[in-house]
Amino acid sequence: MNKGLKVLYDRGFVKDCTALDQLSDLMDRESVTFYCGVDPTGRSLHVGHIVPFFAMHHLQEAGNNPIALVGGGTGMIGDPSGKTEMRKILSVEEIQSNVEAIKGQLSSVVDFSETPAKGHGKARMMNNADWLIDLNYIQFLRDIGKYFSVNRMLTFEGVKQRLERGLSVIEFNYQLLQSYDFYMLNKLTGCRLQIGGADQWGNIVAGIDLIDRMGGPECFGLTFNLIMRSDGKKMGKSEKGAVFLDPEMYSPYDFYQYWRNVADADVEKFMKIFTFMSLDEIATYSDPARNINEAKEKLAYEVTKIIHGEEEAEKALSAAKALFSSGGDMSNVPAKEVRKEEWPEEGMGVLNMFTLSGLTASNGVARRIVTQGGAEVNGIKVSDPKTAFKAADAASDGSFLLKSGKKRYAKIVLI
């Protein structure tokens, strides 16, 4: 098997591949241009989105040429695959803003520099708005739509799941547009391979078929496993919601803690998927004689370093050590600053404090944590949701250290 493909199989990425032997032979003969698409339906990706881009990283290291296709055009519709209801329609301005944000996030995983490392392929970022926005719909139906069978489209899992709830005509057209993306990338760049999550199988196969029907070369599809936690839940969800890559939506410290607190059974799998550690190094952390907490700390540090940079990873590590062991720097614990003159004279309620700090998304969630005995303020358990703290109750450095459950902390600092 081709070395780049073998890396993906060995690290547990691959679910399905069209014509694996032929693709492997092609990759052995030449550098292959391949792509993965992402629609800018939000201003941040979350960790569930980036599995294909970690795979893209490994294929680039093997000498292949990645294209990260940002869906400035398809993002105006939204992919129905894997969704239970229609996506919110965004404005052109919102989509463009999201495109710019996502470009920066992908750059942490894929090397888009003009001079990639020796032996690595050259990556580029493209936007399907370049060929979709001004598309003539009647001409598109005549030239492209004629190759699609509605009966066949209805057999794809992503479409079948939506039929009971309702599937709009806009969304039903999505497969045509994504197929056209593959065709255009093949025409413009010689792209021969599309990669993506398992829910993209139907769209990818449709694109391969379109290129073949329009006289193009043999093309290929590669899909990746849906990454699940050992408890059966989807990867990328936390008590605070989705684990976003945007540091303003999910702090680097919380990001670090998300990985630090994964189940023991998930550590090795996540190291293979979400870090660039070699398999040999990962094996040393998988040794049963080694403390599992060392492996969790390593996983958290490596993923945080990739996404947020080494400086933020060091800060998160230091904050964690200060809270859970010794020798760390408490100044790196996530903190919300509040002016003393803005602090209520009668004191701020504990529920408001937890929500203000970011530990909880709402006072309702905070109330549940408090009444269930999982809340502490400056080391003192708080069980009455009506409890309030005055400015004079702060620690000597003017801070309130809030704890939710056993492992989640945040600070409010009076300035």
Protein backbone atom coordinates (compact mmCIF):
# COMPACT_ATOMS: atom_id res chain seq x y z
CA MET A 1 0.00 0.00 0.00
CA ASN A 2 1.14 3.55 -0.71
CA LYS A 3 2.97 5.02 2.31
CA GLY A 4 0.62 8.00 2.69
CA LEU A 5 -2.48 5.81 2.64
CA LYS A 6 -0.86 3.34 5.02
CA VAL A 7 -0.32 6.11 7.56
CA LEU A 8 -4.04 6.90 7.48
CA TYR A 9 -5.00 3.25 7.90
CA ASP A 10 -2.47 2.69 10.68
CA ARG A 11 -3.69 5.74 12.59
CA GLY A 12 -7.35 4.70 12.34
CA PHE A 13 -8.72 7.35 9.98
CA VAL A 14 -10.15 5.35 7.09
CA LYS A 15 -13.69 4.01 6.79
CA ASP A 16 -14.16 3.51 3.02
CA CYS A 17 -12.20 4.04 -0.17
CA THR A 18 -13.22 3.74 -3.80
CA ALA A 19 -10.81 1.60 -5.84
CA LEU A 20 -8.14 1.45 -3.12
CA ASP A 21 -5.59 -0.52 -5.15
CA GLN A 22 -5.81 1.85 -8.12
CA LEU A 23 -5.52 4.90 -5.86
CA SER A 24 -2.50 3.39 -4.10
CA ASP A 25 -0.81 2.69 -7.44
CA LEU A 26 -1.50 6.25 -8.62
CA MET A 27 0.01 7.70 -5.43
CA ASP A 28 3.08 5.50 -5.87
CA ARG A 29 3.60 6.87 -9.39
CA GLU A 30 2.98 10.56 -8.76
CA SER A 31 1.98 13.26 -6.32
CA VAL A 32 -1.80 13.40 -6.22
CA THR A 33 -3.81 16.60 -5.86
CA PHE A 34 -6.70 16.02 -3.46
CA TYR A 35 -9.26 18.12 -1.64
CA CYS A 36 -11.53 18.38 1.35
CA GLY A 37 -14.32 20.91 1.63
CA VAL A 38 -15.71 22.79 4.59
CA ASP A 39 -18.73 25.09 4.56
CA PRO A 40 -18.38 28.37 6.50
CA THR A 41 -21.71 28.04 8.32
CA GLY A 42 -20.13 29.38 11.53
CA ARG A 43 -17.15 31.53 12.44
CA SER A 44 -15.33 28.60 13.97
CA LEU A 45 -14.73 24.94 13.29
CA HIS A 46 -14.95 22.53 16.21
CA VAL A 47 -12.82 19.47 16.87
CA GLY A 48 -15.28 17.17 15.09
CA HIS A 49 -14.74 19.12 11.85
CA ILE A 50 -10.97 18.81 11.70
CA VAL A 51 -10.47 15.03 11.42
CA PRO A 52 -10.20 15.17 7.60
CA PHE A 53 -7.69 18.02 7.87
CA PHE A 54 -5.44 16.01 10.16
CA ALA A 55 -5.60 13.31 7.49
CA MET A 56 -4.78 16.02 4.93
CA HIS A 57 -1.68 16.86 6.97
CA HIS A 58 -0.39 13.28 6.73
CA LEU A 59 -1.08 13.04 2.99
CA GLN A 60 0.74 16.34 2.47
CA GLU A 61 3.74 15.00 4.40
CA ALA A 62 3.73 12.03 2.00
CA GLY A 63 4.22 14.42 -0.93
CA ASN A 64 0.64 14.92 -2.11
CA ASN A 65 -0.90 18.32 -2.83
CA PRO A 66 -3.89 19.34 -0.67
CA ILE A 67 -6.66 21.77 -1.53
CA ALA A 68 -8.76 23.05 1.34
CA LEU A 69 -11.96 24.12 -0.36
CA VAL A 70 -13.89 26.70 1.62
CA GLY A 71 -17.54 26.68 0.56
CA GLY A 72 -18.28 30.34 0.06
CA GLY A 73 -20.86 29.22 -2.51
CA THR A 74 -22.29 26.01 -1.02
CA GLY A 75 -22.26 27.66 2.40
CA MET A 76 -25.15 29.80 1.18
CA ILE A 77 -27.24 26.60 1.10
CA GLY A 78 -25.79 24.19 3.65
CA ASP A 79 -25.11 20.47 3.38
CA PRO A 80 -28.06 18.36 4.63
CA SER A 81 -25.79 15.33 5.23
CA GLY A 82 -25.94 14.23 8.85
CA LYS A 83 -28.38 17.02 9.77
CA THR A 84 -31.87 16.57 11.19
CA GLU A 85 -33.14 19.93 9.98
CA MET A 86 -32.36 22.66 7.48
CA ARG A 87 -29.43 24.93 8.28
CA LYS A 88 -29.96 28.61 8.94
CA ILE A 89 -29.49 30.66 5.78
CA LEU A 90 -26.64 33.15 6.30
CA SER A 91 -26.03 36.49 4.65
CA VAL A 92 -23.21 36.92 2.12
CA GLU A 93 -21.37 39.15 4.62
CA GLU A 94 -21.60 36.52 7.39
CA ILE A 95 -20.32 33.82 5.07
CA GLN A 96 -17.33 35.90 3.94
CA SER A 97 -16.43 36.70 7.53
CA ASN A 98 -16.61 33.01 8.43
CA VAL A 99 -14.44 32.11 5.42
CA GLU A 100 -11.63 34.35 6.65
CA ALA A 101 -11.82 32.95 10.19
CA ILE A 102 -11.76 29.33 9.02
CA LYS A 103 -8.76 29.94 6.76
CA GLY A 104 -6.69 30.86 9.79
CA GLN A 105 -7.84 27.84 11.79
CA LEU A 106 -6.97 25.34 9.05
CA SER A 107 -3.48 26.83 8.78
CA SER A 108 -2.65 25.35 12.18
CA VAL A 109 -3.05 21.82 10.79
CA VAL A 110 -2.11 22.13 7.09
CA ASP A 111 0.99 23.93 5.78
CA PHE A 112 -0.16 26.58 3.29
CA SER A 113 3.25 28.28 3.05
CA GLU A 114 4.82 29.04 -0.31
CA THR A 115 7.78 26.78 0.49
CA PRO A 116 6.61 23.66 2.37
CA ALA A 117 9.16 21.33 3.98
CA LYS A 118 11.26 19.15 1.68
CA GLY A 119 9.27 16.18 0.41
CA HIS A 120 5.93 17.71 1.40
CA GLY A 121 3.27 18.60 -1.12
CA LYS A 122 2.20 22.19 -1.74
CA ALA A 123 -1.18 23.11 -0.27
CA ARG A 124 -3.57 25.77 -1.41
CA MET A 125 -6.87 27.17 -0.27
CA MET A 126 -9.69 27.74 -2.75
CA ASN A 127 -13.26 29.01 -2.56
CA ASN A 128 -16.10 27.47 -4.57
CA ALA A 129 -17.81 30.86 -4.68
CA ASP A 130 -15.40 31.55 -7.57
CA TRP A 131 -17.39 29.25 -9.87
CA LEU A 132 -20.76 28.88 -8.14
CA ILE A 133 -21.94 32.42 -7.37
CA ASP A 134 -22.37 33.51 -10.99
CA LEU A 135 -23.49 30.12 -12.26
CA ASN A 136 -26.29 30.18 -14.83
CA TYR A 137 -28.87 27.88 -13.29
CA ILE A 138 -30.62 26.88 -16.55
CA GLN A 139 -27.30 26.13 -18.22
CA PHE A 140 -26.19 24.21 -15.12
CA LEU A 141 -29.28 22.00 -15.25
CA ARG A 142 -28.74 21.33 -18.95
CA ASP A 143 -25.02 20.55 -18.64
CA ILE A 144 -24.79 18.96 -15.19
CA GLY A 145 -28.26 18.12 -13.87
CA LYS A 146 -28.93 15.69 -16.71
CA TYR A 147 -26.34 13.29 -15.29
CA PHE A 148 -28.09 12.86 -11.93
CA SER A 149 -30.76 10.30 -11.16
CA VAL A 150 -33.26 11.33 -8.49
CA ASN A 151 -33.92 7.66 -7.77
CA ARG A 152 -30.24 7.10 -7.05
CA MET A 153 -29.93 10.26 -4.95
CA LEU A 154 -32.77 9.02 -2.76
CA THR A 155 -30.77 5.89 -1.89
CA PHE A 156 -27.96 7.83 -0.18
CA GLU A 157 -28.13 7.69 3.60
CA GLY A 158 -27.73 11.44 4.11
CA VAL A 159 -30.82 12.10 1.99
CA LYS A 160 -32.90 9.21 3.36
CA GLN A 161 -32.44 10.42 6.94
CA ARG A 162 -33.96 13.78 6.06
CA LEU A 163 -36.93 12.64 4.01
CA GLU A 164 -39.18 12.03 7.02
CA ARG A 165 -38.56 15.52 8.44
CA GLY A 166 -38.53 17.22 5.07
CA LEU A 167 -35.80 18.10 2.59
CA SER A 168 -35.92 21.43 0.78
CA VAL A 169 -35.28 21.77 -2.95
CA ILE A 170 -32.29 23.97 -2.05
CA GLU A 171 -30.71 21.22 0.02
CA PHE A 172 -31.55 18.54 -2.54
CA ASN A 173 -29.43 20.50 -5.02
CA TYR A 174 -26.44 20.38 -2.68
CA GLN A 175 -25.18 17.07 -4.06
CA LEU A 176 -25.14 18.51 -7.57
CA LEU A 177 -23.11 21.49 -6.40
CA GLN A 178 -20.58 19.44 -4.46
CA SER A 179 -20.19 17.10 -7.42
CA TYR A 180 -19.63 20.12 -9.61
CA ASP A 181 -16.93 21.30 -7.17
CA PHE A 182 -15.02 18.05 -7.72
CA TYR A 183 -15.45 18.40 -11.48
CA MET A 184 -14.18 22.01 -11.46
CA LEU A 185 -11.21 21.19 -9.23
CA ASN A 186 -10.29 18.33 -11.54
CA LYS A 187 -10.57 20.65 -14.52
CA LEU A 188 -8.65 23.55 -12.92
CA THR A 189 -6.01 21.71 -10.88
CA GLY A 190 -6.00 18.05 -11.92
CA CYS A 191 -7.51 17.05 -8.56
CA ARG A 192 -8.12 13.27 -8.51
CA LEU A 193 -9.20 12.56 -4.93
CA GLN A 194 -11.82 13.89 -2.52
CA ILE A 195 -11.61 13.12 1.19
CA GLY A 196 -14.19 13.72 3.90
CA GLY A 197 -16.24 12.34 6.76
CA ALA A 198 -18.23 9.15 6.40
CA ASP A 199 -21.44 11.16 5.87
CA GLN A 200 -19.94 12.51 2.64
CA TRP A 201 -19.78 9.14 0.88
CA GLY A 202 -22.84 9.74 -1.30
CA ASN A 203 -21.71 13.21 -2.36
CA ILE A 204 -18.18 12.00 -3.14
CA VAL A 205 -19.35 9.04 -5.22
CA ALA A 206 -21.71 11.34 -7.13
CA GLY A 207 -18.80 13.65 -7.96
CA ILE A 208 -16.64 10.78 -9.20
CA ASP A 209 -19.51 9.61 -11.40
CA LEU A 210 -20.04 13.11 -12.81
CA ILE A 211 -16.37 13.47 -13.78
CA ASP A 212 -16.48 10.08 -15.48
CA ARG A 213 -19.66 10.93 -17.40
CA MET A 214 -18.14 14.18 -18.58
CA GLY A 215 -15.08 12.44 -20.00
CA GLY A 216 -12.65 13.07 -17.16
CA PRO A 217 -10.00 10.74 -15.69
CA GLU A 218 -10.62 8.11 -13.04
CA CYS A 219 -11.06 9.84 -9.70
CA PHE A 220 -11.27 8.54 -6.16
CA GLY A 221 -12.95 9.03 -2.81
CA LEU A 222 -11.70 8.40 0.72
CA THR A 223 -13.90 8.75 3.80
CA PHE A 224 -13.04 8.74 7.49
CA ASN A 225 -14.61 7.20 10.54
CA LEU A 226 -16.94 9.25 12.67
CA ILE A 227 -14.86 9.69 15.82
CA MET A 228 -16.85 8.62 18.86
CA ARG A 229 -15.87 8.71 22.51
CA SER A 230 -15.75 5.46 24.43
CA ASP A 231 -19.02 6.42 26.14
CA GLY A 232 -20.74 6.39 22.76
CA LYS A 233 -21.10 10.17 22.46
CA LYS A 234 -19.96 12.25 19.50
CA MET A 235 -16.48 13.68 19.63
CA GLY A 236 -16.24 17.42 20.23
CA LYS A 237 -19.01 17.96 22.78
CA SER A 238 -18.48 19.18 26.34
CA GLU A 239 -20.49 20.57 29.24
CA LYS A 240 -20.08 24.00 27.64
CA GLY A 241 -21.23 22.75 24.23
CA ALA A 242 -19.13 22.30 21.10
CA VAL A 243 -15.35 22.42 21.53
CA PHE A 244 -14.60 25.25 19.12
CA LEU A 245 -11.15 26.14 17.77
CA ASP A 246 -11.79 29.87 18.13
CA PRO A 247 -10.16 30.91 21.44
CA GLU A 248 -12.86 33.51 22.03
CA MET A 249 -15.55 30.84 21.83
CA TYR A 250 -13.68 28.18 23.78
CA SER A 251 -10.60 29.25 25.72
CA PRO A 252 -7.24 27.50 25.18
CA TYR A 253 -7.31 26.47 28.84
CA ASP A 254 -10.76 24.84 28.50
CA PHE A 255 -9.57 23.30 25.22
CA TYR A 256 -6.58 21.79 27.02
CA GLN A 257 -8.80 20.53 29.85
CA TYR A 258 -11.21 18.92 27.38
CA TRP A 259 -8.40 16.67 26.13
CA ARG A 260 -6.88 16.22 29.58
CA ASN A 261 -10.17 14.78 30.84
CA VAL A 262 -10.92 12.28 28.07
CA ALA A 263 -11.64 8.71 29.10
CA ASP A 264 -8.65 6.41 29.59
CA ALA A 265 -9.87 4.18 26.76
CA ASP A 266 -9.78 7.07 24.27
CA VAL A 267 -6.24 8.38 24.82
CA GLU A 268 -4.33 6.21 22.34
CA LYS A 269 -6.99 6.58 19.64
CA PHE A 270 -7.06 10.36 20.00
CA MET A 271 -3.26 10.58 19.96
CA LYS A 272 -3.26 8.81 16.59
CA ILE A 273 -5.97 11.03 15.11
CA PHE A 274 -5.46 14.47 16.67
CA THR A 275 -1.68 14.76 17.12
CA PHE A 276 1.39 14.53 14.89
CA MET A 277 3.18 12.20 17.32
CA SER A 278 4.81 9.19 15.68
CA LEU A 279 3.20 5.80 16.25
CA ASP A 280 6.37 4.69 18.03
CA GLU A 281 6.11 7.57 20.51
CA ILE A 282 2.39 6.93 21.02
CA ALA A 283 3.21 3.30 21.81
CA THR A 284 5.40 4.41 24.74
CA TYR A 285 2.42 6.21 26.27
CA SER A 286 0.19 3.18 25.69
CA ASP A 287 2.36 0.96 27.87
CA PRO A 288 0.10 -0.36 30.71
CA ALA A 289 2.96 0.18 33.16
CA ARG A 290 2.92 3.92 32.46
CA ASN A 291 0.69 6.32 34.39
CA ILE A 292 -2.34 7.10 32.20
CA ASN A 293 -2.34 10.69 33.46
CA GLU A 294 1.02 11.27 31.78
CA ALA A 295 -0.53 10.18 28.50
CA LYS A 296 -3.55 12.43 29.00
CA GLU A 297 -1.33 15.41 29.79
CA LYS A 298 0.74 14.72 26.68
CA LEU A 299 -2.37 14.41 24.51
CA ALA A 300 -3.82 17.67 25.84
CA TYR A 301 -0.54 19.52 25.40
CA GLU A 302 0.09 18.31 21.84
CA VAL A 303 -3.41 19.07 20.53
CA THR A 304 -3.46 22.49 22.21
CA LYS A 305 -0.02 23.27 20.76
CA ILE A 306 -1.20 22.43 17.24
CA ILE A 307 -4.43 24.45 17.41
CA HIS A 308 -3.47 27.38 19.67
CA GLY A 309 0.33 27.43 19.55
CA GLU A 310 3.08 26.42 21.96
CA GLU A 311 2.74 29.51 24.17
CA GLU A 312 -0.95 28.87 24.90
CA ALA A 313 -0.25 25.17 25.46
CA GLU A 314 2.41 26.06 28.05
CA LYS A 315 0.04 28.47 29.79
CA ALA A 316 -2.71 25.86 29.94
CA LEU A 317 -0.30 23.25 31.26
CA SER A 318 0.96 25.66 33.92
CA ALA A 319 -2.56 26.60 34.99
CA ALA A 320 -3.54 22.94 35.25
CA LYS A 321 -0.51 22.19 37.41
CA ALA A 322 -1.34 25.12 39.69
CA LEU A 323 -4.89 23.86 40.18
CA PHE A 324 -4.37 20.13 40.34
CA SER A 325 -0.83 19.58 41.60
CA SER A 326 1.83 22.15 42.41
CA GLY A 327 4.38 24.41 40.82
CA GLY A 328 2.14 25.93 38.17
CA ASP A 329 1.17 29.53 37.56
CA MET A 330 -2.28 30.53 38.83
CA SER A 331 -2.17 33.64 36.62
CA ASN A 332 -2.79 31.37 33.64
CA VAL A 333 -6.15 30.17 34.97
CA PRO A 334 -8.91 31.66 32.75
CA ALA A 335 -10.08 34.89 34.36
CA LYS A 336 -12.88 37.39 33.83
CA GLU A 337 -11.93 40.90 34.95
CA VAL A 338 -14.57 43.12 36.57
CA ARG A 339 -14.09 46.68 37.81
CA LYS A 340 -14.61 46.99 41.57
CA GLU A 341 -17.01 49.89 41.12
CA GLU A 342 -19.20 47.68 38.91
CA TRP A 343 -19.49 44.93 41.53
CA PRO A 344 -22.93 45.10 43.22
CA GLU A 345 -22.72 46.64 46.67
CA GLU A 346 -25.06 43.98 48.04
CA GLY A 347 -22.91 41.30 46.43
CA MET A 348 -23.17 39.23 43.26
CA GLY A 349 -25.21 36.05 43.34
CA VAL A 350 -23.28 32.81 42.94
CA LEU A 351 -25.35 31.84 39.90
CA ASN A 352 -24.46 35.08 38.13
CA MET A 353 -20.81 34.58 39.06
CA PHE A 354 -20.65 31.14 37.49
CA THR A 355 -22.28 32.36 34.30
CA LEU A 356 -20.12 35.50 34.17
CA SER A 357 -16.96 33.43 34.55
CA GLY A 358 -17.89 31.21 31.62
CA LEU A 359 -18.10 28.04 33.69
CA THR A 360 -21.79 27.73 32.88
CA ALA A 361 -23.81 28.77 29.87
CA SER A 362 -26.74 29.98 31.95
CA ASN A 363 -27.93 30.59 35.50
CA GLY A 364 -30.16 27.54 35.15
CA VAL A 365 -27.13 25.31 34.61
CA ALA A 366 -25.34 27.05 37.48
CA ARG A 367 -28.32 26.43 39.78
CA ARG A 368 -28.19 22.71 39.05
CA ILE A 369 -24.47 22.55 39.83
CA VAL A 370 -24.91 24.49 43.09
CA THR A 371 -27.92 22.50 44.35
CA GLN A 372 -26.20 19.21 43.52
CA GLY A 373 -23.18 20.18 45.61
CA GLY A 374 -20.70 20.69 42.79
CA ALA A 375 -19.90 24.38 43.30
CA GLU A 376 -17.08 26.02 45.24
CA VAL A 377 -15.95 29.63 45.59
CA ASN A 378 -12.43 30.20 46.94
CA GLY A 379 -12.35 26.67 48.27
CA ILE A 380 -15.68 26.86 50.11
CA LYS A 381 -18.58 24.69 48.96
CA VAL A 382 -21.71 26.66 48.06
CA SER A 383 -25.02 24.78 48.16
CA ASP A 384 -27.52 27.65 48.44
CA PRO A 385 -28.27 29.23 45.02
CA LYS A 386 -29.23 32.49 46.78
CA THR A 387 -25.70 32.97 48.15
CA ALA A 388 -24.07 36.28 47.20
CA PHE A 389 -20.47 37.47 47.49
CA LYS A 390 -19.42 41.05 48.20
CA ALA A 391 -16.19 42.57 46.91
CA ALA A 392 -14.74 42.23 50.41
CA ASP A 393 -15.16 38.44 50.15
CA ALA A 394 -12.54 38.23 47.41
CA ALA A 395 -9.14 36.67 48.10
CA SER A 396 -6.18 38.90 48.97
CA ASP A 397 -5.34 39.31 45.28
CA GLY A 398 -8.91 40.44 44.52
CA SER A 399 -10.00 37.19 42.93
CA PHE A 400 -12.77 34.64 43.27
CA LEU A 401 -11.70 31.12 42.25
CA LEU A 402 -14.77 29.21 41.09
CA LYS A 403 -14.90 25.44 40.82
CA SER A 404 -17.52 23.38 39.01
CA GLY A 405 -17.48 19.68 39.73
CA LYS A 406 -14.10 18.04 40.26
CA LYS A 407 -12.06 19.47 37.41
CA ARG A 408 -13.37 22.75 36.00
CA TYR A 409 -12.13 26.10 37.27
CA ALA A 410 -12.37 29.79 36.37
CA LYS A 411 -11.58 33.06 38.11
CA ILE A 412 -13.25 36.43 38.48
CA VAL A 413 -10.72 39.16 39.23
CA LEU A 414 -11.67 42.56 40.63
CA ILE A 415 -9.56 45.34 39.16
